[in-house]
């Protein structure tokens, strides 16, 4: 479940950081 949450947060966090933190 920790692995799966990591997968989910990678997709979500990656998108948010790219949008608000200066790009991919």
PDBML (XML) file of the C-alpha atoms, coordinates in Angstrom:
<?xml version="1.0" encoding="UTF-8" ?>
<PDBx:datablock datablockName="MODEL"
   xmlns:PDBx="http://pdbml.pdb.org/schema/pdbx-v50.xsd"
   xmlns:xsi="http://www.w3.org/2001/XMLSchema-instance"
   xsi:schemaLocation="http://pdbml.pdb.org/schema/pdbx-v50.xsd pdbx-v50.xsd">
   <PDBx:atom_siteCategory>
      <PDBx:atom_site id="1">
         <PDBx:B_iso_or_equiv>0.00</PDBx:B_iso_or_equiv>
         <PDBx:Cartn_x>0.000</PDBx:Cartn_x>
         <PDBx:Cartn_y>0.000</PDBx:Cartn_y>
         <PDBx:Cartn_z>0.000</PDBx:Cartn_z>
         <PDBx:auth_asym_id>A</PDBx:auth_asym_id>
         <PDBx:auth_atom_id>CA</PDBx:auth_atom_id>
         <PDBx:auth_comp_id>UNK</PDBx:auth_comp_id>
         <PDBx:auth_seq_id>1</PDBx:auth_seq_id>
         <PDBx:group_PDB>ATOM</PDBx:group_PDB>
         <PDBx:label_alt_id xsi:nil="true" />
         <PDBx:label_asym_id>A</PDBx:label_asym_id>
         <PDBx:label_atom_id>CA</PDBx:label_atom_id>
         <PDBx:label_comp_id>UNK</PDBx:label_comp_id>
         <PDBx:label_entity_id>1</PDBx:label_entity_id>
         <PDBx:label_seq_id>1</PDBx:label_seq_id>
         <PDBx:occupancy>1.00</PDBx:occupancy>
         <PDBx:pdbx_PDB_model_num>1</PDBx:pdbx_PDB_model_num>
         <PDBx:type_symbol>C</PDBx:type_symbol>
      </PDBx:atom_site>
      <PDBx:atom_site id="2">
         <PDBx:B_iso_or_equiv>0.00</PDBx:B_iso_or_equiv>
         <PDBx:Cartn_x>2.976</PDBx:Cartn_x>
         <PDBx:Cartn_y>2.278</PDBx:Cartn_y>
         <PDBx:Cartn_z>0.609</PDBx:Cartn_z>
         <PDBx:auth_asym_id>A</PDBx:auth_asym_id>
         <PDBx:auth_atom_id>CA</PDBx:auth_atom_id>
         <PDBx:auth_comp_id>UNK</PDBx:auth_comp_id>
         <PDBx:auth_seq_id>2</PDBx:auth_seq_id>
         <PDBx:group_PDB>ATOM</PDBx:group_PDB>
         <PDBx:label_alt_id xsi:nil="true" />
         <PDBx:label_asym_id>A</PDBx:label_asym_id>
         <PDBx:label_atom_id>CA</PDBx:label_atom_id>
         <PDBx:label_comp_id>UNK</PDBx:label_comp_id>
         <PDBx:label_entity_id>1</PDBx:label_entity_id>
         <PDBx:label_seq_id>2</PDBx:label_seq_id>
         <PDBx:occupancy>1.00</PDBx:occupancy>
         <PDBx:pdbx_PDB_model_num>1</PDBx:pdbx_PDB_model_num>
         <PDBx:type_symbol>C</PDBx:type_symbol>
      </PDBx:atom_site>
      <PDBx:atom_site id="3">
         <PDBx:B_iso_or_equiv>0.00</PDBx:B_iso_or_equiv>
         <PDBx:Cartn_x>4.334</PDBx:Cartn_x>
         <PDBx:Cartn_y>1.390</PDBx:Cartn_y>
         <PDBx:Cartn_z>-2.828</PDBx:Cartn_z>
         <PDBx:auth_asym_id>A</PDBx:auth_asym_id>
         <PDBx:auth_atom_id>CA</PDBx:auth_atom_id>
         <PDBx:auth_comp_id>UNK</PDBx:auth_comp_id>
         <PDBx:auth_seq_id>3</PDBx:auth_seq_id>
         <PDBx:group_PDB>ATOM</PDBx:group_PDB>
         <PDBx:label_alt_id xsi:nil="true" />
         <PDBx:label_asym_id>A</PDBx:label_asym_id>
         <PDBx:label_atom_id>CA</PDBx:label_atom_id>
         <PDBx:label_comp_id>UNK</PDBx:label_comp_id>
         <PDBx:label_entity_id>1</PDBx:label_entity_id>
         <PDBx:label_seq_id>3</PDBx:label_seq_id>
         <PDBx:occupancy>1.00</PDBx:occupancy>
         <PDBx:pdbx_PDB_model_num>1</PDBx:pdbx_PDB_model_num>
         <PDBx:type_symbol>C</PDBx:type_symbol>
      </PDBx:atom_site>
      <PDBx:atom_site id="4">
         <PDBx:B_iso_or_equiv>0.00</PDBx:B_iso_or_equiv>
         <PDBx:Cartn_x>0.987</PDBx:Cartn_x>
         <PDBx:Cartn_y>2.161</PDBx:Cartn_y>
         <PDBx:Cartn_z>-4.406</PDBx:Cartn_z>
         <PDBx:auth_asym_id>A</PDBx:auth_asym_id>
         <PDBx:auth_atom_id>CA</PDBx:auth_atom_id>
         <PDBx:auth_comp_id>UNK</PDBx:auth_comp_id>
         <PDBx:auth_seq_id>4</PDBx:auth_seq_id>
         <PDBx:group_PDB>ATOM</PDBx:group_PDB>
         <PDBx:label_alt_id xsi:nil="true" />
         <PDBx:label_asym_id>A</PDBx:label_asym_id>
         <PDBx:label_atom_id>CA</PDBx:label_atom_id>
         <PDBx:label_comp_id>UNK</PDBx:label_comp_id>
         <PDBx:label_entity_id>1</PDBx:label_entity_id>
         <PDBx:label_seq_id>4</PDBx:label_seq_id>
         <PDBx:occupancy>1.00</PDBx:occupancy>
         <PDBx:pdbx_PDB_model_num>1</PDBx:pdbx_PDB_model_num>
         <PDBx:type_symbol>C</PDBx:type_symbol>
      </PDBx:atom_site>
      <PDBx:atom_site id="5">
         <PDBx:B_iso_or_equiv>0.00</PDBx:B_iso_or_equiv>
         <PDBx:Cartn_x>0.667</PDBx:Cartn_x>
         <PDBx:Cartn_y>5.476</PDBx:Cartn_y>
         <PDBx:Cartn_z>-2.585</PDBx:Cartn_z>
         <PDBx:auth_asym_id>A</PDBx:auth_asym_id>
         <PDBx:auth_atom_id>CA</PDBx:auth_atom_id>
         <PDBx:auth_comp_id>UNK</PDBx:auth_comp_id>
         <PDBx:auth_seq_id>5</PDBx:auth_seq_id>
         <PDBx:group_PDB>ATOM</PDBx:group_PDB>
         <PDBx:label_alt_id xsi:nil="true" />
         <PDBx:label_asym_id>A</PDBx:label_asym_id>
         <PDBx:label_atom_id>CA</PDBx:label_atom_id>
         <PDBx:label_comp_id>UNK</PDBx:label_comp_id>
         <PDBx:label_entity_id>1</PDBx:label_entity_id>
         <PDBx:label_seq_id>5</PDBx:label_seq_id>
         <PDBx:occupancy>1.00</PDBx:occupancy>
         <PDBx:pdbx_PDB_model_num>1</PDBx:pdbx_PDB_model_num>
         <PDBx:type_symbol>C</PDBx:type_symbol>
      </PDBx:atom_site>
      <PDBx:atom_site id="6">
         <PDBx:B_iso_or_equiv>0.00</PDBx:B_iso_or_equiv>
         <PDBx:Cartn_x>4.139</PDBx:Cartn_x>
         <PDBx:Cartn_y>6.311</PDBx:Cartn_y>
         <PDBx:Cartn_z>-3.874</PDBx:Cartn_z>
         <PDBx:auth_asym_id>A</PDBx:auth_asym_id>
         <PDBx:auth_atom_id>CA</PDBx:auth_atom_id>
         <PDBx:auth_comp_id>UNK</PDBx:auth_comp_id>
         <PDBx:auth_seq_id>6</PDBx:auth_seq_id>
         <PDBx:group_PDB>ATOM</PDBx:group_PDB>
         <PDBx:label_alt_id xsi:nil="true" />
         <PDBx:label_asym_id>A</PDBx:label_asym_id>
         <PDBx:label_atom_id>CA</PDBx:label_atom_id>
         <PDBx:label_comp_id>UNK</PDBx:label_comp_id>
         <PDBx:label_entity_id>1</PDBx:label_entity_id>
         <PDBx:label_seq_id>6</PDBx:label_seq_id>
         <PDBx:occupancy>1.00</PDBx:occupancy>
         <PDBx:pdbx_PDB_model_num>1</PDBx:pdbx_PDB_model_num>
         <PDBx:type_symbol>C</PDBx:type_symbol>
      </PDBx:atom_site>
      <PDBx:atom_site id="7">
         <PDBx:B_iso_or_equiv>0.00</PDBx:B_iso_or_equiv>
         <PDBx:Cartn_x>2.959</PDBx:Cartn_x>
         <PDBx:Cartn_y>5.626</PDBx:Cartn_y>
         <PDBx:Cartn_z>-7.419</PDBx:Cartn_z>
         <PDBx:auth_asym_id>A</PDBx:auth_asym_id>
         <PDBx:auth_atom_id>CA</PDBx:auth_atom_id>
         <PDBx:auth_comp_id>UNK</PDBx:auth_comp_id>
         <PDBx:auth_seq_id>7</PDBx:auth_seq_id>
         <PDBx:group_PDB>ATOM</PDBx:group_PDB>
         <PDBx:label_alt_id xsi:nil="true" />
         <PDBx:label_asym_id>A</PDBx:label_asym_id>
         <PDBx:label_atom_id>CA</PDBx:label_atom_id>
         <PDBx:label_comp_id>UNK</PDBx:label_comp_id>
         <PDBx:label_entity_id>1</PDBx:label_entity_id>
         <PDBx:label_seq_id>7</PDBx:label_seq_id>
         <PDBx:occupancy>1.00</PDBx:occupancy>
         <PDBx:pdbx_PDB_model_num>1</PDBx:pdbx_PDB_model_num>
         <PDBx:type_symbol>C</PDBx:type_symbol>
      </PDBx:atom_site>
      <PDBx:atom_site id="8">
         <PDBx:B_iso_or_equiv>0.00</PDBx:B_iso_or_equiv>
         <PDBx:Cartn_x>-0.106</PDBx:Cartn_x>
         <PDBx:Cartn_y>7.830</PDBx:Cartn_y>
         <PDBx:Cartn_z>-6.931</PDBx:Cartn_z>
         <PDBx:auth_asym_id>A</PDBx:auth_asym_id>
         <PDBx:auth_atom_id>CA</PDBx:auth_atom_id>
         <PDBx:auth_comp_id>UNK</PDBx:auth_comp_id>
         <PDBx:auth_seq_id>8</PDBx:auth_seq_id>
         <PDBx:group_PDB>ATOM</PDBx:group_PDB>
         <PDBx:label_alt_id xsi:nil="true" />
         <PDBx:label_asym_id>A</PDBx:label_asym_id>
         <PDBx:label_atom_id>CA</PDBx:label_atom_id>
         <PDBx:label_comp_id>UNK</PDBx:label_comp_id>
         <PDBx:label_entity_id>1</PDBx:label_entity_id>
         <PDBx:label_seq_id>8</PDBx:label_seq_id>
         <PDBx:occupancy>1.00</PDBx:occupancy>
         <PDBx:pdbx_PDB_model_num>1</PDBx:pdbx_PDB_model_num>
         <PDBx:type_symbol>C</PDBx:type_symbol>
      </PDBx:atom_site>
      <PDBx:atom_site id="9">
         <PDBx:B_iso_or_equiv>0.00</PDBx:B_iso_or_equiv>
         <PDBx:Cartn_x>1.778</PDBx:Cartn_x>
         <PDBx:Cartn_y>10.675</PDBx:Cartn_y>
         <PDBx:Cartn_z>-5.279</PDBx:Cartn_z>
         <PDBx:auth_asym_id>A</PDBx:auth_asym_id>
         <PDBx:auth_atom_id>CA</PDBx:auth_atom_id>
         <PDBx:auth_comp_id>UNK</PDBx:auth_comp_id>
         <PDBx:auth_seq_id>9</PDBx:auth_seq_id>
         <PDBx:group_PDB>ATOM</PDBx:group_PDB>
         <PDBx:label_alt_id xsi:nil="true" />
         <PDBx:label_asym_id>A</PDBx:label_asym_id>
         <PDBx:label_atom_id>CA</PDBx:label_atom_id>
         <PDBx:label_comp_id>UNK</PDBx:label_comp_id>
         <PDBx:label_entity_id>1</PDBx:label_entity_id>
         <PDBx:label_seq_id>9</PDBx:label_seq_id>
         <PDBx:occupancy>1.00</PDBx:occupancy>
         <PDBx:pdbx_PDB_model_num>1</PDBx:pdbx_PDB_model_num>
         <PDBx:type_symbol>C</PDBx:type_symbol>
      </PDBx:atom_site>
      <PDBx:atom_site id="10">
         <PDBx:B_iso_or_equiv>0.00</PDBx:B_iso_or_equiv>
         <PDBx:Cartn_x>4.448</PDBx:Cartn_x>
         <PDBx:Cartn_y>10.524</PDBx:Cartn_y>
         <PDBx:Cartn_z>-7.985</PDBx:Cartn_z>
         <PDBx:auth_asym_id>A</PDBx:auth_asym_id>
         <PDBx:auth_atom_id>CA</PDBx:auth_atom_id>
         <PDBx:auth_comp_id>UNK</PDBx:auth_comp_id>
         <PDBx:auth_seq_id>10</PDBx:auth_seq_id>
         <PDBx:group_PDB>ATOM</PDBx:group_PDB>
         <PDBx:label_alt_id xsi:nil="true" />
         <PDBx:label_asym_id>A</PDBx:label_asym_id>
         <PDBx:label_atom_id>CA</PDBx:label_atom_id>
         <PDBx:label_comp_id>UNK</PDBx:label_comp_id>
         <PDBx:label_entity_id>1</PDBx:label_entity_id>
         <PDBx:label_seq_id>10</PDBx:label_seq_id>
         <PDBx:occupancy>1.00</PDBx:occupancy>
         <PDBx:pdbx_PDB_model_num>1</PDBx:pdbx_PDB_model_num>
         <PDBx:type_symbol>C</PDBx:type_symbol>
      </PDBx:atom_site>
      <PDBx:atom_site id="11">
         <PDBx:B_iso_or_equiv>0.00</PDBx:B_iso_or_equiv>
         <PDBx:Cartn_x>1.836</PDBx:Cartn_x>
         <PDBx:Cartn_y>11.212</PDBx:Cartn_y>
         <PDBx:Cartn_z>-10.636</PDBx:Cartn_z>
         <PDBx:auth_asym_id>A</PDBx:auth_asym_id>
         <PDBx:auth_atom_id>CA</PDBx:auth_atom_id>
         <PDBx:auth_comp_id>UNK</PDBx:auth_comp_id>
         <PDBx:auth_seq_id>11</PDBx:auth_seq_id>
         <PDBx:group_PDB>ATOM</PDBx:group_PDB>
         <PDBx:label_alt_id xsi:nil="true" />
         <PDBx:label_asym_id>A</PDBx:label_asym_id>
         <PDBx:label_atom_id>CA</PDBx:label_atom_id>
         <PDBx:label_comp_id>UNK</PDBx:label_comp_id>
         <PDBx:label_entity_id>1</PDBx:label_entity_id>
         <PDBx:label_seq_id>11</PDBx:label_seq_id>
         <PDBx:occupancy>1.00</PDBx:occupancy>
         <PDBx:pdbx_PDB_model_num>1</PDBx:pdbx_PDB_model_num>
         <PDBx:type_symbol>C</PDBx:type_symbol>
      </PDBx:atom_site>
      <PDBx:atom_site id="12">
         <PDBx:B_iso_or_equiv>0.00</PDBx:B_iso_or_equiv>
         <PDBx:Cartn_x>0.078</PDBx:Cartn_x>
         <PDBx:Cartn_y>13.882</PDBx:Cartn_y>
         <PDBx:Cartn_z>-8.603</PDBx:Cartn_z>
         <PDBx:auth_asym_id>A</PDBx:auth_asym_id>
         <PDBx:auth_atom_id>CA</PDBx:auth_atom_id>
         <PDBx:auth_comp_id>UNK</PDBx:auth_comp_id>
         <PDBx:auth_seq_id>12</PDBx:auth_seq_id>
         <PDBx:group_PDB>ATOM</PDBx:group_PDB>
         <PDBx:label_alt_id xsi:nil="true" />
         <PDBx:label_asym_id>A</PDBx:label_asym_id>
         <PDBx:label_atom_id>CA</PDBx:label_atom_id>
         <PDBx:label_comp_id>UNK</PDBx:label_comp_id>
         <PDBx:label_entity_id>1</PDBx:label_entity_id>
         <PDBx:label_seq_id>12</PDBx:label_seq_id>
         <PDBx:occupancy>1.00</PDBx:occupancy>
         <PDBx:pdbx_PDB_model_num>1</PDBx:pdbx_PDB_model_num>
         <PDBx:type_symbol>C</PDBx:type_symbol>
      </PDBx:atom_site>
      <PDBx:atom_site id="13">
         <PDBx:B_iso_or_equiv>0.00</PDBx:B_iso_or_equiv>
         <PDBx:Cartn_x>3.168</PDBx:Cartn_x>
         <PDBx:Cartn_y>15.477</PDBx:Cartn_y>
         <PDBx:Cartn_z>-7.060</PDBx:Cartn_z>
         <PDBx:auth_asym_id>A</PDBx:auth_asym_id>
         <PDBx:auth_atom_id>CA</PDBx:auth_atom_id>
         <PDBx:auth_comp_id>UNK</PDBx:auth_comp_id>
         <PDBx:auth_seq_id>13</PDBx:auth_seq_id>
         <PDBx:group_PDB>ATOM</PDBx:group_PDB>
         <PDBx:label_alt_id xsi:nil="true" />
         <PDBx:label_asym_id>A</PDBx:label_asym_id>
         <PDBx:label_atom_id>CA</PDBx:label_atom_id>
         <PDBx:label_comp_id>UNK</PDBx:label_comp_id>
         <PDBx:label_entity_id>1</PDBx:label_entity_id>
         <PDBx:label_seq_id>13</PDBx:label_seq_id>
         <PDBx:occupancy>1.00</PDBx:occupancy>
         <PDBx:pdbx_PDB_model_num>1</PDBx:pdbx_PDB_model_num>
         <PDBx:type_symbol>C</PDBx:type_symbol>
      </PDBx:atom_site>
      <PDBx:atom_site id="14">
         <PDBx:B_iso_or_equiv>0.00</PDBx:B_iso_or_equiv>
         <PDBx:Cartn_x>5.035</PDBx:Cartn_x>
         <PDBx:Cartn_y>15.393</PDBx:Cartn_y>
         <PDBx:Cartn_z>-10.340</PDBx:Cartn_z>
         <PDBx:auth_asym_id>A</PDBx:auth_asym_id>
         <PDBx:auth_atom_id>CA</PDBx:auth_atom_id>
         <PDBx:auth_comp_id>UNK</PDBx:auth_comp_id>
         <PDBx:auth_seq_id>14</PDBx:auth_seq_id>
         <PDBx:group_PDB>ATOM</PDBx:group_PDB>
         <PDBx:label_alt_id xsi:nil="true" />
         <PDBx:label_asym_id>A</PDBx:label_asym_id>
         <PDBx:label_atom_id>CA</PDBx:label_atom_id>
         <PDBx:label_comp_id>UNK</PDBx:label_comp_id>
         <PDBx:label_entity_id>1</PDBx:label_entity_id>
         <PDBx:label_seq_id>14</PDBx:label_seq_id>
         <PDBx:occupancy>1.00</PDBx:occupancy>
         <PDBx:pdbx_PDB_model_num>1</PDBx:pdbx_PDB_model_num>
         <PDBx:type_symbol>C</PDBx:type_symbol>
      </PDBx:atom_site>
      <PDBx:atom_site id="15">
         <PDBx:B_iso_or_equiv>0.00</PDBx:B_iso_or_equiv>
         <PDBx:Cartn_x>2.247</PDBx:Cartn_x>
         <PDBx:Cartn_y>17.293</PDBx:Cartn_y>
         <PDBx:Cartn_z>-12.068</PDBx:Cartn_z>
         <PDBx:auth_asym_id>A</PDBx:auth_asym_id>
         <PDBx:auth_atom_id>CA</PDBx:auth_atom_id>
         <PDBx:auth_comp_id>UNK</PDBx:auth_comp_id>
         <PDBx:auth_seq_id>15</PDBx:auth_seq_id>
         <PDBx:group_PDB>ATOM</PDBx:group_PDB>
         <PDBx:label_alt_id xsi:nil="true" />
         <PDBx:label_asym_id>A</PDBx:label_asym_id>
         <PDBx:label_atom_id>CA</PDBx:label_atom_id>
         <PDBx:label_comp_id>UNK</PDBx:label_comp_id>
         <PDBx:label_entity_id>1</PDBx:label_entity_id>
         <PDBx:label_seq_id>15</PDBx:label_seq_id>
         <PDBx:occupancy>1.00</PDBx:occupancy>
         <PDBx:pdbx_PDB_model_num>1</PDBx:pdbx_PDB_model_num>
         <PDBx:type_symbol>C</PDBx:type_symbol>
      </PDBx:atom_site>
      <PDBx:atom_site id="16">
         <PDBx:B_iso_or_equiv>0.00</PDBx:B_iso_or_equiv>
         <PDBx:Cartn_x>1.903</PDBx:Cartn_x>
         <PDBx:Cartn_y>19.867</PDBx:Cartn_y>
         <PDBx:Cartn_z>-9.290</PDBx:Cartn_z>
         <PDBx:auth_asym_id>A</PDBx:auth_asym_id>
         <PDBx:auth_atom_id>CA</PDBx:auth_atom_id>
         <PDBx:auth_comp_id>UNK</PDBx:auth_comp_id>
         <PDBx:auth_seq_id>16</PDBx:auth_seq_id>
         <PDBx:group_PDB>ATOM</PDBx:group_PDB>
         <PDBx:label_alt_id xsi:nil="true" />
         <PDBx:label_asym_id>A</PDBx:label_asym_id>
         <PDBx:label_atom_id>CA</PDBx:label_atom_id>
         <PDBx:label_comp_id>UNK</PDBx:label_comp_id>
         <PDBx:label_entity_id>1</PDBx:label_entity_id>
         <PDBx:label_seq_id>16</PDBx:label_seq_id>
         <PDBx:occupancy>1.00</PDBx:occupancy>
         <PDBx:pdbx_PDB_model_num>1</PDBx:pdbx_PDB_model_num>
         <PDBx:type_symbol>C</PDBx:type_symbol>
      </PDBx:atom_site>
      <PDBx:atom_site id="17">
         <PDBx:B_iso_or_equiv>0.00</PDBx:B_iso_or_equiv>
         <PDBx:Cartn_x>5.643</PDBx:Cartn_x>
         <PDBx:Cartn_y>20.524</PDBx:Cartn_y>
         <PDBx:Cartn_z>-8.989</PDBx:Cartn_z>
         <PDBx:auth_asym_id>A</PDBx:auth_asym_id>
         <PDBx:auth_atom_id>CA</PDBx:auth_atom_id>
         <PDBx:auth_comp_id>UNK</PDBx:auth_comp_id>
         <PDBx:auth_seq_id>17</PDBx:auth_seq_id>
         <PDBx:group_PDB>ATOM</PDBx:group_PDB>
         <PDBx:label_alt_id xsi:nil="true" />
         <PDBx:label_asym_id>A</PDBx:label_asym_id>
         <PDBx:label_atom_id>CA</PDBx:label_atom_id>
         <PDBx:label_comp_id>UNK</PDBx:label_comp_id>
         <PDBx:label_entity_id>1</PDBx:label_entity_id>
         <PDBx:label_seq_id>17</PDBx:label_seq_id>
         <PDBx:occupancy>1.00</PDBx:occupancy>
         <PDBx:pdbx_PDB_model_num>1</PDBx:pdbx_PDB_model_num>
         <PDBx:type_symbol>C</PDBx:type_symbol>
      </PDBx:atom_site>
      <PDBx:atom_site id="18">
         <PDBx:B_iso_or_equiv>0.00</PDBx:B_iso_or_equiv>
         <PDBx:Cartn_x>5.972</PDBx:Cartn_x>
         <PDBx:Cartn_y>20.873</PDBx:Cartn_y>
         <PDBx:Cartn_z>-12.756</PDBx:Cartn_z>
         <PDBx:auth_asym_id>A</PDBx:auth_asym_id>
         <PDBx:auth_atom_id>CA</PDBx:auth_atom_id>
         <PDBx:auth_comp_id>UNK</PDBx:auth_comp_id>
         <PDBx:auth_seq_id>18</PDBx:auth_seq_id>
         <PDBx:group_PDB>ATOM</PDBx:group_PDB>
         <PDBx:label_alt_id xsi:nil="true" />
         <PDBx:label_asym_id>A</PDBx:label_asym_id>
         <PDBx:label_atom_id>CA</PDBx:label_atom_id>
         <PDBx:label_comp_id>UNK</PDBx:label_comp_id>
         <PDBx:label_entity_id>1</PDBx:label_entity_id>
         <PDBx:label_seq_id>18</PDBx:label_seq_id>
         <PDBx:occupancy>1.00</PDBx:occupancy>
         <PDBx:pdbx_PDB_model_num>1</PDBx:pdbx_PDB_model_num>
         <PDBx:type_symbol>C</PDBx:type_symbol>
      </PDBx:atom_site>
      <PDBx:atom_site id="19">
         <PDBx:B_iso_or_equiv>0.00</PDBx:B_iso_or_equiv>
         <PDBx:Cartn_x>3.086</PDBx:Cartn_x>
         <PDBx:Cartn_y>23.327</PDBx:Cartn_y>
         <PDBx:Cartn_z>-12.883</PDBx:Cartn_z>
         <PDBx:auth_asym_id>A</PDBx:auth_asym_id>
         <PDBx:auth_atom_id>CA</PDBx:auth_atom_id>
         <PDBx:auth_comp_id>UNK</PDBx:auth_comp_id>
         <PDBx:auth_seq_id>19</PDBx:auth_seq_id>
         <PDBx:group_PDB>ATOM</PDBx:group_PDB>
         <PDBx:label_alt_id xsi:nil="true" />
         <PDBx:label_asym_id>A</PDBx:label_asym_id>
         <PDBx:label_atom_id>CA</PDBx:label_atom_id>
         <PDBx:label_comp_id>UNK</PDBx:label_comp_id>
         <PDBx:label_entity_id>1</PDBx:label_entity_id>
         <PDBx:label_seq_id>19</PDBx:label_seq_id>
         <PDBx:occupancy>1.00</PDBx:occupancy>
         <PDBx:pdbx_PDB_model_num>1</PDBx:pdbx_PDB_model_num>
         <PDBx:type_symbol>C</PDBx:type_symbol>
      </PDBx:atom_site>
      <PDBx:atom_site id="20">
         <PDBx:B_iso_or_equiv>0.00</PDBx:B_iso_or_equiv>
         <PDBx:Cartn_x>3.995</PDBx:Cartn_x>
         <PDBx:Cartn_y>25.452</PDBx:Cartn_y>
         <PDBx:Cartn_z>-9.874</PDBx:Cartn_z>
         <PDBx:auth_asym_id>A</PDBx:auth_asym_id>
         <PDBx:auth_atom_id>CA</PDBx:auth_atom_id>
         <PDBx:auth_comp_id>UNK</PDBx:auth_comp_id>
         <PDBx:auth_seq_id>20</PDBx:auth_seq_id>
         <PDBx:group_PDB>ATOM</PDBx:group_PDB>
         <PDBx:label_alt_id xsi:nil="true" />
         <PDBx:label_asym_id>A</PDBx:label_asym_id>
         <PDBx:label_atom_id>CA</PDBx:label_atom_id>
         <PDBx:label_comp_id>UNK</PDBx:label_comp_id>
         <PDBx:label_entity_id>1</PDBx:label_entity_id>
         <PDBx:label_seq_id>20</PDBx:label_seq_id>
         <PDBx:occupancy>1.00</PDBx:occupancy>
         <PDBx:pdbx_PDB_model_num>1</PDBx:pdbx_PDB_model_num>
         <PDBx:type_symbol>C</PDBx:type_symbol>
      </PDBx:atom_site>
      <PDBx:atom_site id="21">
         <PDBx:B_iso_or_equiv>0.00</PDBx:B_iso_or_equiv>
         <PDBx:Cartn_x>7.683</PDBx:Cartn_x>
         <PDBx:Cartn_y>24.821</PDBx:Cartn_y>
         <PDBx:Cartn_z>-9.363</PDBx:Cartn_z>
         <PDBx:auth_asym_id>A</PDBx:auth_asym_id>
         <PDBx:auth_atom_id>CA</PDBx:auth_atom_id>
         <PDBx:auth_comp_id>UNK</PDBx:auth_comp_id>
         <PDBx:auth_seq_id>21</PDBx:auth_seq_id>
         <PDBx:group_PDB>ATOM</PDBx:group_PDB>
         <PDBx:label_alt_id xsi:nil="true" />
         <PDBx:label_asym_id>A</PDBx:label_asym_id>
         <PDBx:label_atom_id>CA</PDBx:label_atom_id>
         <PDBx:label_comp_id>UNK</PDBx:label_comp_id>
         <PDBx:label_entity_id>1</PDBx:label_entity_id>
         <PDBx:label_seq_id>21</PDBx:label_seq_id>
         <PDBx:occupancy>1.00</PDBx:occupancy>
         <PDBx:pdbx_PDB_model_num>1</PDBx:pdbx_PDB_model_num>
         <PDBx:type_symbol>C</PDBx:type_symbol>
      </PDBx:atom_site>
      <PDBx:atom_site id="22">
         <PDBx:B_iso_or_equiv>0.00</PDBx:B_iso_or_equiv>
         <PDBx:Cartn_x>9.305</PDBx:Cartn_x>
         <PDBx:Cartn_y>25.755</PDBx:Cartn_y>
         <PDBx:Cartn_z>-12.649</PDBx:Cartn_z>
         <PDBx:auth_asym_id>A</PDBx:auth_asym_id>
         <PDBx:auth_atom_id>CA</PDBx:auth_atom_id>
         <PDBx:auth_comp_id>UNK</PDBx:auth_comp_id>
         <PDBx:auth_seq_id>22</PDBx:auth_seq_id>
         <PDBx:group_PDB>ATOM</PDBx:group_PDB>
         <PDBx:label_alt_id xsi:nil="true" />
         <PDBx:label_asym_id>A</PDBx:label_asym_id>
         <PDBx:label_atom_id>CA</PDBx:label_atom_id>
         <PDBx:label_comp_id>UNK</PDBx:label_comp_id>
         <PDBx:label_entity_id>1</PDBx:label_entity_id>
         <PDBx:label_seq_id>22</PDBx:label_seq_id>
         <PDBx:occupancy>1.00</PDBx:occupancy>
         <PDBx:pdbx_PDB_model_num>1</PDBx:pdbx_PDB_model_num>
         <PDBx:type_symbol>C</PDBx:type_symbol>
      </PDBx:atom_site>
      <PDBx:atom_site id="23">
         <PDBx:B_iso_or_equiv>0.00</PDBx:B_iso_or_equiv>
         <PDBx:Cartn_x>8.683</PDBx:Cartn_x>
         <PDBx:Cartn_y>22.888</PDBx:Cartn_y>
         <PDBx:Cartn_z>-15.078</PDBx:Cartn_z>
         <PDBx:auth_asym_id>A</PDBx:auth_asym_id>
         <PDBx:auth_atom_id>CA</PDBx:auth_atom_id>
         <PDBx:auth_comp_id>UNK</PDBx:auth_comp_id>
         <PDBx:auth_seq_id>23</PDBx:auth_seq_id>
         <PDBx:group_PDB>ATOM</PDBx:group_PDB>
         <PDBx:label_alt_id xsi:nil="true" />
         <PDBx:label_asym_id>A</PDBx:label_asym_id>
         <PDBx:label_atom_id>CA</PDBx:label_atom_id>
         <PDBx:label_comp_id>UNK</PDBx:label_comp_id>
         <PDBx:label_entity_id>1</PDBx:label_entity_id>
         <PDBx:label_seq_id>23</PDBx:label_seq_id>
         <PDBx:occupancy>1.00</PDBx:occupancy>
         <PDBx:pdbx_PDB_model_num>1</PDBx:pdbx_PDB_model_num>
         <PDBx:type_symbol>C</PDBx:type_symbol>
      </PDBx:atom_site>
      <PDBx:atom_site id="24">
         <PDBx:B_iso_or_equiv>0.00</PDBx:B_iso_or_equiv>
         <PDBx:Cartn_x>9.308</PDBx:Cartn_x>
         <PDBx:Cartn_y>19.183</PDBx:Cartn_y>
         <PDBx:Cartn_z>-15.404</PDBx:Cartn_z>
         <PDBx:auth_asym_id>A</PDBx:auth_asym_id>
         <PDBx:auth_atom_id>CA</PDBx:auth_atom_id>
         <PDBx:auth_comp_id>UNK</PDBx:auth_comp_id>
         <PDBx:auth_seq_id>24</PDBx:auth_seq_id>
         <PDBx:group_PDB>ATOM</PDBx:group_PDB>
         <PDBx:label_alt_id xsi:nil="true" />
         <PDBx:label_asym_id>A</PDBx:label_asym_id>
         <PDBx:label_atom_id>CA</PDBx:label_atom_id>
         <PDBx:label_comp_id>UNK</PDBx:label_comp_id>
         <PDBx:label_entity_id>1</PDBx:label_entity_id>
         <PDBx:label_seq_id>24</PDBx:label_seq_id>
         <PDBx:occupancy>1.00</PDBx:occupancy>
         <PDBx:pdbx_PDB_model_num>1</PDBx:pdbx_PDB_model_num>
         <PDBx:type_symbol>C</PDBx:type_symbol>
      </PDBx:atom_site>
   </PDBx:atom_siteCategory>
</PDBx:datablock>
